[in-house]
Amino acid sequence: MKAVTDVESKLRQDITPASDAVPLFGPVASELMRYLASIAMTAAATVVAVGVDTKVAIPNLSLVFVVPVIIAGVSLGLGPSLCSAILGALAFNFFLTEPRYSLAVDDAANIWAIGLLFVVGVIVSGVAFTSRQRATEAALLKRQTTVLQVYSRDVVAAGNTKAILSLTTKTLAALFQVPAVVMLVSGDRVVSLEQAGDVEPREAELEAARSSLATGTVMRGDVYPNLAARFDFWPVQTAEGPKAVVGLAFDPDERPAAPDTLVNIVVRVLALVLERQHARVGRNARPAS
C-alpha cells in the first residue's frame, strides 16, 4: 500500500484543480468579474490619458489604451480583451478628440486615429489571447507528461494487482480532471474495481464496460447504444490472465476532442504490467522442485 500512498501524494496537486481555476462566485459571476476587471483597467487608462493630456501634449497618447487590452488578453481572456479595445476607442473619442465629451468627430484625421486604435486593439487582443492559450497548452502538456512519468515508474514497482489498479485510476483522474474507474474482468464477472471521484458505475456502465472488452473497441458514454452510460470505456487486452477496462466520466459539454492518445498510453502500460503481475503470481504459485 506504500506505493499507492506515495503516488497519491505526488498526484494530489494534479487531481485537485488549481485554486485559480475555481470560480469565485460561480461561473456566471466569474465571467462578470473578468469583464468588470477589463472595464476598470480601461477606466484607469482613461484617467491617466486625460491627466497627461491636461499637462502636456503627447503624440500617440492613444497607445495608453492598448495597455489594458494586452493585460486583459493575457490574464482575462479574449472577450474581456475585446471589451477593453472597444471601450478604449470610445473613451479616446469621448475624452481626447474634438469636440470633447461627445462621440461626434469633427476632424477626419481623428476618425482614422480612432479606427486605427480599435484595429490595433483587436489585433493585440488576438495576439495576447493566442500567447496565453499556447502557454496554457504548454503547461498542460508538461503536467500530463509528469503524471505519465510518475505512473510508469510507480506502477512497475507496485506489488499487487489492487495497487496497480489504484495507481492507474488516480493517474487517469489526474490527467483529465474527471472521475475515473478501472475494472478487472474475468470472463463476464468484474473481480476488482477501483474508482476516483464521486461517480460510481451503475449497471448500465458495467454493461458498457463488458461490451467494450468483448468487442475490443472504445464505448462512448451518452452515445447510442450506451445512452444511459456516463463513462467512456477503453478495453485493456492482455495475452494472459484477467483483462481490464478503464473508464472516464467526461462532462458531455466538456469532453476532450482527442482523449485516446493519453488513455492509450495508460492502457498499454497497464496491459504490460498486468501480464507481468500474472506471470509473477504464476511463478510464485508453482511448487518448489
Protein backbone atom coordinates (compact mmCIF):
# COMPACT_ATOMS: atom_id res chain seq x y z
CA MET A 1 0.00 0.00 0.00
CA LYS A 2 3.01 2.32 0.38
CA ALA A 3 3.31 2.69 -3.41
CA VAL A 4 -0.33 3.73 -3.66
CA THR A 5 0.10 6.28 -0.85
CA ASP A 6 3.23 7.72 -2.44
CA VAL A 7 1.73 8.19 -5.88
CA GLU A 8 -1.47 9.68 -4.47
CA SER A 9 0.65 12.26 -2.65
CA LYS A 10 2.57 13.06 -5.84
CA LEU A 11 -0.56 13.37 -7.95
CA ARG A 12 -2.77 15.23 -5.45
CA GLN A 13 -1.92 18.63 -6.89
CA ASP A 14 -2.86 17.36 -10.37
CA ILE A 15 -6.09 15.64 -9.33
CA THR A 16 -7.32 18.72 -7.49
CA PRO A 17 -7.99 21.70 -9.79
CA ALA A 18 -5.82 24.72 -9.12
CA SER A 19 -7.40 27.31 -6.87
CA ASP A 20 -7.35 29.99 -9.57
CA ALA A 21 -9.42 27.69 -11.80
CA VAL A 22 -12.29 27.64 -9.30
CA PRO A 23 -14.80 30.44 -9.93
CA LEU A 24 -15.06 32.96 -7.09
CA PHE A 25 -18.85 33.13 -7.04
CA GLY A 26 -19.73 30.52 -9.65
CA PRO A 27 -19.25 30.53 -13.45
CA VAL A 28 -21.58 33.47 -14.20
CA ALA A 29 -20.08 35.70 -11.50
CA SER A 30 -16.56 34.74 -12.57
CA GLU A 31 -17.32 35.77 -16.16
CA LEU A 32 -18.80 39.06 -14.92
CA MET A 33 -15.75 39.74 -12.73
CA ARG A 34 -13.41 39.33 -15.71
CA TYR A 35 -15.37 41.88 -17.75
CA LEU A 36 -15.58 44.27 -14.78
CA ALA A 37 -11.81 43.99 -14.41
CA SER A 38 -11.29 44.88 -18.09
CA ILE A 39 -13.65 47.88 -17.72
CA ALA A 40 -11.79 49.03 -14.59
CA MET A 41 -8.42 48.83 -16.37
CA THR A 42 -9.75 50.84 -19.32
CA ALA A 43 -11.18 53.42 -16.91
CA ALA A 44 -7.77 53.69 -15.21
CA ALA A 45 -6.08 54.14 -18.59
CA THR A 46 -8.60 56.87 -19.42
CA VAL A 47 -7.83 58.74 -16.18
CA VAL A 48 -4.10 58.53 -16.91
CA ALA A 49 -4.53 59.69 -20.53
CA VAL A 50 -6.77 62.61 -19.61
CA GLY A 51 -4.45 63.62 -16.77
CA VAL A 52 -1.40 63.60 -19.04
CA ASP A 53 -3.29 65.44 -21.79
CA THR A 54 -4.15 68.31 -19.43
CA LYS A 55 -0.48 68.78 -18.51
CA VAL A 56 1.42 68.22 -21.72
CA ALA A 57 0.69 67.47 -25.37
CA ILE A 58 1.98 63.99 -26.20
CA PRO A 59 1.62 62.45 -29.65
CA ASN A 60 0.16 58.94 -29.86
CA LEU A 61 -1.45 59.27 -26.43
CA SER A 62 -3.99 56.75 -27.70
CA LEU A 63 -1.41 53.99 -27.13
CA VAL A 64 -2.17 54.23 -23.41
CA PHE A 65 -5.43 52.42 -24.20
CA VAL A 66 -3.53 49.49 -25.68
CA VAL A 67 -2.06 48.58 -22.25
CA PRO A 68 -5.33 47.30 -20.70
CA VAL A 69 -6.02 45.39 -23.92
CA ILE A 70 -2.74 43.50 -23.57
CA ILE A 71 -3.23 42.82 -19.86
CA ALA A 72 -6.80 41.62 -20.43
CA GLY A 73 -5.75 39.40 -23.34
CA VAL A 74 -3.04 37.68 -21.29
CA SER A 75 -4.85 37.37 -17.96
CA LEU A 76 -8.60 37.62 -18.56
CA GLY A 77 -9.34 36.13 -21.97
CA LEU A 78 -10.36 37.17 -25.47
CA GLY A 79 -13.81 38.58 -24.60
CA PRO A 80 -12.61 40.99 -21.89
CA SER A 81 -9.68 41.99 -24.10
CA LEU A 82 -12.00 42.90 -26.98
CA CYS A 83 -14.17 44.75 -24.47
CA SER A 84 -11.14 46.83 -23.47
CA ALA A 85 -10.36 47.52 -27.14
CA ILE A 86 -13.86 48.80 -27.85
CA LEU A 87 -14.13 50.85 -24.66
CA GLY A 88 -10.63 52.27 -25.22
CA ALA A 89 -11.56 53.53 -28.70
CA LEU A 90 -14.78 55.07 -27.37
CA ALA A 91 -13.02 56.68 -24.40
CA PHE A 92 -10.32 58.15 -26.65
CA ASN A 93 -13.03 59.59 -28.88
CA PHE A 94 -15.13 60.93 -25.98
CA PHE A 95 -12.40 62.47 -23.81
CA LEU A 96 -9.47 63.25 -26.10
CA THR A 97 -10.79 64.28 -29.53
CA GLU A 98 -12.66 67.41 -30.53
CA PRO A 99 -15.42 68.10 -29.72
CA ARG A 100 -14.66 66.89 -26.19
CA TYR A 101 -17.23 64.89 -24.22
CA SER A 102 -19.06 63.86 -27.36
CA LEU A 103 -18.88 60.87 -29.66
CA ALA A 104 -19.08 63.19 -32.65
CA VAL A 105 -15.82 63.69 -34.60
CA ASP A 106 -15.10 66.93 -36.48
CA ASP A 107 -11.67 66.10 -37.90
CA ALA A 108 -11.32 63.26 -40.41
CA ALA A 109 -7.83 62.61 -39.05
CA ASN A 110 -9.35 61.78 -35.68
CA ILE A 111 -11.66 59.27 -37.32
CA TRP A 112 -8.62 57.48 -38.69
CA ALA A 113 -6.92 57.68 -35.29
CA ILE A 114 -9.93 56.18 -33.52
CA GLY A 115 -10.33 53.46 -36.15
CA LEU A 116 -6.63 52.64 -36.02
CA LEU A 117 -6.76 52.44 -32.22
CA PHE A 118 -9.65 49.98 -32.46
CA VAL A 119 -7.90 47.85 -35.10
CA VAL A 120 -4.67 47.79 -33.09
CA GLY A 121 -6.69 46.83 -30.01
CA VAL A 122 -8.35 43.92 -31.82
CA ILE A 123 -5.03 42.66 -33.22
CA VAL A 124 -3.32 42.93 -29.85
CA SER A 125 -6.27 41.11 -28.23
CA GLY A 126 -5.88 38.21 -30.63
CA VAL A 127 -2.10 38.01 -30.24
CA ALA A 128 -2.24 38.22 -26.43
CA PHE A 129 -5.01 35.64 -26.21
CA THR A 130 -3.16 33.26 -28.55
CA SER A 131 0.01 33.59 -26.48
CA ARG A 132 -1.97 32.86 -23.33
CA GLN A 133 -3.55 29.79 -24.92
CA ARG A 134 -0.19 28.43 -26.05
CA ALA A 135 1.28 28.96 -22.60
CA THR A 136 -1.69 27.15 -21.05
CA GLU A 137 -1.38 24.26 -23.50
CA ALA A 138 2.37 24.00 -22.84
CA ALA A 139 1.76 23.92 -19.08
CA LEU A 140 -0.92 21.25 -19.53
CA LEU A 141 1.36 19.12 -21.70
CA LYS A 142 4.14 19.40 -19.12
CA ARG A 143 1.79 18.36 -16.33
CA GLN A 144 0.45 15.40 -18.31
CA THR A 145 3.98 14.27 -19.17
CA THR A 146 4.96 14.43 -15.50
CA VAL A 147 1.88 12.43 -14.48
CA LEU A 148 2.65 9.73 -17.05
CA GLN A 149 6.30 9.54 -15.99
CA VAL A 150 5.33 9.11 -12.34
CA TYR A 151 2.75 6.48 -13.29
CA SER A 152 5.11 4.48 -15.49
CA ARG A 153 7.72 4.39 -12.75
CA ASP A 154 5.46 3.62 -9.80
CA VAL A 155 3.09 1.13 -11.44
CA VAL A 156 6.04 -1.08 -12.35
CA ALA A 157 7.06 -1.08 -8.70
CA ALA A 158 3.55 -1.86 -7.44
CA GLY A 159 3.49 -5.13 -5.53
CA ASN A 160 -0.04 -6.36 -6.19
CA THR A 161 -2.97 -6.05 -8.59
CA LYS A 162 -5.01 -3.79 -6.32
CA ALA A 163 -2.13 -1.30 -6.12
CA ILE A 164 -1.76 -1.41 -9.92
CA LEU A 165 -5.46 -0.65 -10.46
CA SER A 166 -5.47 2.09 -7.83
CA LEU A 167 -2.44 3.81 -9.35
CA THR A 168 -4.00 3.64 -12.80
CA THR A 169 -7.29 5.13 -11.58
CA LYS A 170 -5.56 8.01 -9.82
CA THR A 171 -3.43 8.69 -12.90
CA LEU A 172 -6.43 8.84 -15.25
CA ALA A 173 -8.23 11.18 -12.86
CA ALA A 174 -5.14 13.40 -12.70
CA LEU A 175 -4.73 13.51 -16.48
CA PHE A 176 -8.30 14.52 -17.28
CA GLN A 177 -9.61 16.01 -14.00
CA VAL A 178 -12.75 13.80 -14.16
CA PRO A 179 -13.98 10.71 -12.27
CA ALA A 180 -12.19 7.55 -13.38
CA VAL A 181 -12.67 3.83 -12.89
CA VAL A 182 -10.60 0.72 -13.64
CA MET A 183 -12.21 -2.71 -13.61
CA LEU A 184 -10.53 -6.10 -13.68
CA VAL A 185 -12.70 -8.58 -15.56
CA SER A 186 -12.53 -12.37 -15.61
CA GLY A 187 -14.99 -13.87 -18.04
CA ASP A 188 -18.17 -11.81 -17.64
CA ARG A 189 -17.51 -11.03 -14.00
CA VAL A 190 -15.94 -7.89 -12.54
CA VAL A 191 -13.47 -9.24 -10.00
CA SER A 192 -11.96 -5.94 -8.86
CA LEU A 193 -12.95 -2.29 -9.20
CA GLU A 194 -11.09 0.88 -8.30
CA GLN A 195 -12.51 4.36 -8.75
CA ALA A 196 -11.53 8.00 -8.25
CA GLY A 197 -14.18 10.67 -7.98
CA ASP A 198 -17.79 10.71 -6.87
CA VAL A 199 -19.39 8.99 -9.90
CA GLU A 200 -19.93 5.32 -9.13
CA PRO A 201 -20.52 2.94 -12.07
CA ARG A 202 -24.11 1.73 -12.40
CA GLU A 203 -25.35 -1.40 -14.14
CA ALA A 204 -25.55 0.47 -17.46
CA GLU A 205 -21.86 1.36 -17.15
CA LEU A 206 -20.89 -2.18 -16.20
CA GLU A 207 -22.69 -3.49 -19.28
CA ALA A 208 -20.95 -0.92 -21.50
CA ALA A 209 -17.61 -1.94 -19.98
CA ARG A 210 -18.24 -5.62 -20.77
CA SER A 211 -19.23 -4.68 -24.32
CA SER A 212 -16.03 -2.66 -24.74
CA LEU A 213 -13.93 -5.62 -23.64
CA ALA A 214 -15.90 -8.15 -25.71
CA THR A 215 -15.65 -6.10 -28.92
CA GLY A 216 -12.21 -4.64 -28.29
CA THR A 217 -13.49 -1.15 -29.10
CA VAL A 218 -13.98 2.12 -27.25
CA MET A 219 -17.51 2.61 -25.92
CA ARG A 220 -18.58 6.24 -25.61
CA GLY A 221 -20.96 7.23 -22.86
CA ASP A 222 -24.17 9.09 -23.67
CA VAL A 223 -23.92 7.77 -27.24
CA TYR A 224 -26.06 5.01 -28.78
CA PRO A 225 -26.21 2.20 -27.77
CA ASN A 226 -24.85 3.39 -24.39
CA LEU A 227 -27.21 6.33 -23.87
CA ALA A 228 -27.54 5.59 -20.15
CA ALA A 229 -23.78 5.28 -19.57
CA ARG A 230 -21.86 8.24 -18.17
CA PHE A 231 -18.40 6.73 -18.72
CA ASP A 232 -16.31 6.30 -21.86
CA PHE A 233 -14.63 2.86 -21.72
CA TRP A 234 -11.39 1.60 -23.24
CA PRO A 235 -10.54 -2.14 -23.26
CA VAL A 236 -7.24 -3.37 -21.86
CA GLN A 237 -6.41 -6.56 -23.74
CA THR A 238 -3.82 -8.89 -22.20
CA ALA A 239 -2.27 -12.03 -23.66
CA GLU A 240 -2.69 -13.95 -20.40
CA GLY A 241 -4.62 -13.53 -17.17
CA PRO A 242 -7.61 -11.29 -16.41
CA LYS A 243 -8.40 -8.39 -18.70
CA ALA A 244 -9.34 -4.87 -17.66
CA VAL A 245 -11.41 -1.88 -18.71
CA VAL A 246 -10.67 1.78 -17.94
CA GLY A 247 -13.43 4.40 -17.86
CA LEU A 248 -13.63 8.17 -17.69
CA ALA A 249 -16.80 10.12 -16.82
CA PHE A 250 -16.48 13.19 -19.06
CA ASP A 251 -18.92 16.06 -18.86
CA PRO A 252 -20.82 15.83 -22.20
CA ASP A 253 -20.29 19.57 -22.74
CA GLU A 254 -16.57 19.46 -21.93
CA ARG A 255 -15.45 16.19 -23.48
CA PRO A 256 -11.86 16.49 -24.82
CA ALA A 257 -11.51 16.39 -28.57
CA ALA A 258 -8.98 13.53 -28.60
CA PRO A 259 -8.50 11.80 -25.22
CA ASP A 260 -7.49 8.50 -26.85
CA THR A 261 -3.79 9.34 -27.19
CA LEU A 262 -3.22 9.74 -23.47
CA VAL A 263 -5.61 6.95 -22.50
CA ASN A 264 -3.93 4.52 -24.89
CA ILE A 265 -0.55 5.20 -23.29
CA VAL A 266 -2.01 4.30 -19.89
CA VAL A 267 -3.82 1.27 -21.37
CA ARG A 268 -0.65 -0.15 -22.94
CA VAL A 269 1.38 0.30 -19.77
CA LEU A 270 -1.43 -1.26 -17.71
CA ALA A 271 -1.66 -4.26 -20.05
CA LEU A 272 2.08 -4.93 -19.79
CA VAL A 273 2.07 -4.59 -16.00
CA LEU A 274 -0.95 -6.88 -15.60
CA GLU A 275 0.70 -9.52 -17.78
CA ARG A 276 3.88 -9.27 -15.72
CA GLN A 277 1.90 -9.48 -12.48
CA HIS A 278 0.03 -12.56 -13.74
CA ALA A 279 3.32 -14.24 -14.69
CA ARG A 280 4.81 -13.37 -11.29
CA VAL A 281 1.82 -14.82 -9.43
CA GLY A 282 2.03 -17.94 -11.58
CA ARG A 283 5.71 -18.43 -10.78
CA ASN A 284 5.11 -17.97 -7.07
CA ALA A 285 2.25 -20.48 -7.15
CA ARG A 286 4.40 -23.25 -8.63
CA PRO A 287 5.52 -25.87 -6.12
CA ALA A 288 9.21 -25.91 -5.41
CA SER A 289 11.02 -28.71 -7.25
